[in-house]
């Protein structure tokens, strides 16, 4: 029994990797400092695309919050609200596109 435990200790020692010179032990990824700089101070009051994006976010959050409380018959109302809000956002983007320079637009092709 004593020989077995000695043999086991020797085997365990042989399994531990030897540290190579010049390398340090990995302790985890470096931590980035948290900054609270925020974003640029922009005026969004007349930007219909921004306002419609925010309205869409509210509609999706409303859908998420109400879905578990509604009976299945009530799903249509909140889903329809998201769809109508998305349609409104698409319309505001379509209205804005002609005023942008053509160099800022990239056409996306459809793969068949």
Protein backbone atom coordinates (compact mmCIF):
# COMPACT_ATOMS: atom_id res chain seq x y z
CA UNK A 1 0.00 0.00 0.00
CA UNK A 2 2.84 2.38 0.86
CA UNK A 3 4.49 1.61 -2.46
CA UNK A 4 1.25 2.40 -4.28
CA UNK A 5 0.91 5.83 -2.68
CA UNK A 6 4.58 6.65 -3.41
CA UNK A 7 4.13 5.55 -7.01
CA UNK A 8 0.97 7.68 -7.28
CA UNK A 9 2.77 10.78 -5.95
CA UNK A 10 5.58 10.31 -8.46
CA UNK A 11 3.10 9.95 -11.30
CA UNK A 12 1.22 13.07 -10.23
CA UNK A 13 4.47 15.04 -10.10
CA UNK A 14 5.35 13.92 -13.60
CA UNK A 15 1.97 15.14 -14.88
CA UNK A 16 2.37 18.74 -13.70
CA UNK A 17 3.85 20.87 -16.49
CA UNK A 18 7.17 22.47 -15.87
CA UNK A 19 7.23 26.23 -16.17
CA UNK A 20 9.34 27.51 -19.00
CA UNK A 21 11.66 30.43 -18.40
CA UNK A 22 10.36 33.78 -19.60
CA UNK A 23 6.66 32.92 -19.39
CA UNK A 24 4.24 34.16 -16.78
CA UNK A 25 1.20 32.29 -15.59
CA UNK A 26 -2.09 33.25 -17.24
CA UNK A 27 -4.35 34.93 -14.72
CA UNK A 28 -7.19 36.00 -17.03
CA UNK A 29 -7.89 38.62 -19.66
CA UNK A 30 -6.82 42.19 -18.99
CA UNK A 31 -9.50 44.40 -17.50
CA UNK A 32 -10.53 47.47 -19.47
CA UNK A 33 -11.26 50.60 -17.47
CA UNK A 34 -14.92 51.59 -17.52
CA UNK A 35 -15.50 54.96 -19.12
CA UNK A 36 -18.70 56.95 -18.96
CA UNK A 37 -18.07 59.28 -21.86
CA UNK A 38 -21.45 58.82 -23.50
CA UNK A 39 -22.26 59.71 -27.06
CA UNK A 40 -22.10 62.90 -29.06
CA UNK A 41 -24.49 65.62 -28.03
CA UNK A 42 -26.83 65.59 -31.04
CA UNK A 43 -30.20 67.21 -31.55
CA UNK A 44 -32.72 64.56 -32.64
CA UNK A 45 -35.85 66.70 -32.40
CA UNK A 46 -36.57 66.89 -36.15
CA UNK A 47 -35.12 63.51 -37.15
CA UNK A 48 -38.10 61.36 -38.09
CA UNK A 49 -35.96 58.25 -38.57
CA UNK A 50 -34.62 58.52 -35.02
CA UNK A 51 -38.07 59.21 -33.59
CA UNK A 52 -39.54 56.24 -35.48
CA UNK A 53 -36.72 53.95 -34.33
CA UNK A 54 -37.44 54.93 -30.75
CA UNK A 55 -41.15 54.33 -31.31
CA UNK A 56 -40.35 50.89 -32.75
CA UNK A 57 -38.22 50.06 -29.71
CA UNK A 58 -41.12 51.04 -27.46
CA UNK A 59 -43.51 48.89 -29.50
CA UNK A 60 -41.20 45.86 -29.29
CA UNK A 61 -40.77 46.35 -25.54
CA UNK A 62 -44.54 46.65 -25.21
CA UNK A 63 -44.90 43.39 -27.13
CA UNK A 64 -42.36 41.68 -24.89
CA UNK A 65 -44.00 42.91 -21.71
CA UNK A 66 -47.61 42.21 -22.67
CA UNK A 67 -47.22 38.92 -24.52
CA UNK A 68 -47.09 36.71 -21.43
CA UNK A 69 -50.12 38.47 -19.92
CA UNK A 70 -52.37 38.38 -22.98
CA UNK A 71 -54.60 35.55 -24.08
CA UNK A 72 -53.71 34.21 -27.54
CA UNK A 73 -56.52 36.27 -29.06
CA UNK A 74 -54.78 39.46 -27.91
CA UNK A 75 -51.46 38.72 -29.63
CA UNK A 76 -52.65 40.19 -32.91
CA UNK A 77 -53.06 43.70 -31.50
CA UNK A 78 -49.52 44.04 -30.13
CA UNK A 79 -47.92 42.30 -33.12
CA UNK A 80 -49.88 44.56 -35.46
CA UNK A 81 -48.65 47.59 -33.53
CA UNK A 82 -45.03 46.50 -34.08
CA UNK A 83 -45.72 45.97 -37.79
CA UNK A 84 -47.37 49.37 -38.24
CA UNK A 85 -44.53 51.07 -36.37
CA UNK A 86 -41.99 49.29 -38.55
CA UNK A 87 -43.88 50.37 -41.66
CA UNK A 88 -43.79 53.97 -40.40
CA UNK A 89 -40.02 53.69 -39.85
CA UNK A 90 -39.52 52.32 -43.37
CA UNK A 91 -41.54 55.22 -44.76
CA UNK A 92 -39.41 57.78 -42.93
CA UNK A 93 -36.25 56.14 -44.28
CA UNK A 94 -37.70 56.16 -47.80
CA UNK A 95 -38.48 59.86 -47.43
CA UNK A 96 -34.94 60.61 -46.26
CA UNK A 97 -33.01 58.62 -48.88
CA UNK A 98 -33.49 61.00 -51.84
CA UNK A 99 -31.92 63.85 -49.86
CA UNK A 100 -28.72 61.87 -49.21
CA UNK A 101 -25.83 61.88 -51.69
CA UNK A 102 -25.67 58.77 -53.86
CA UNK A 103 -22.19 57.98 -52.52
CA UNK A 104 -23.70 57.30 -49.08
CA UNK A 105 -26.03 54.62 -50.42
CA UNK A 106 -25.11 51.00 -50.98
CA UNK A 107 -27.47 48.75 -52.88
CA UNK A 108 -27.95 45.31 -51.42
CA UNK A 109 -28.55 42.59 -53.97
CA UNK A 110 -30.75 39.57 -53.48
CA UNK A 111 -29.12 36.17 -53.73
CA UNK A 112 -31.05 33.62 -55.70
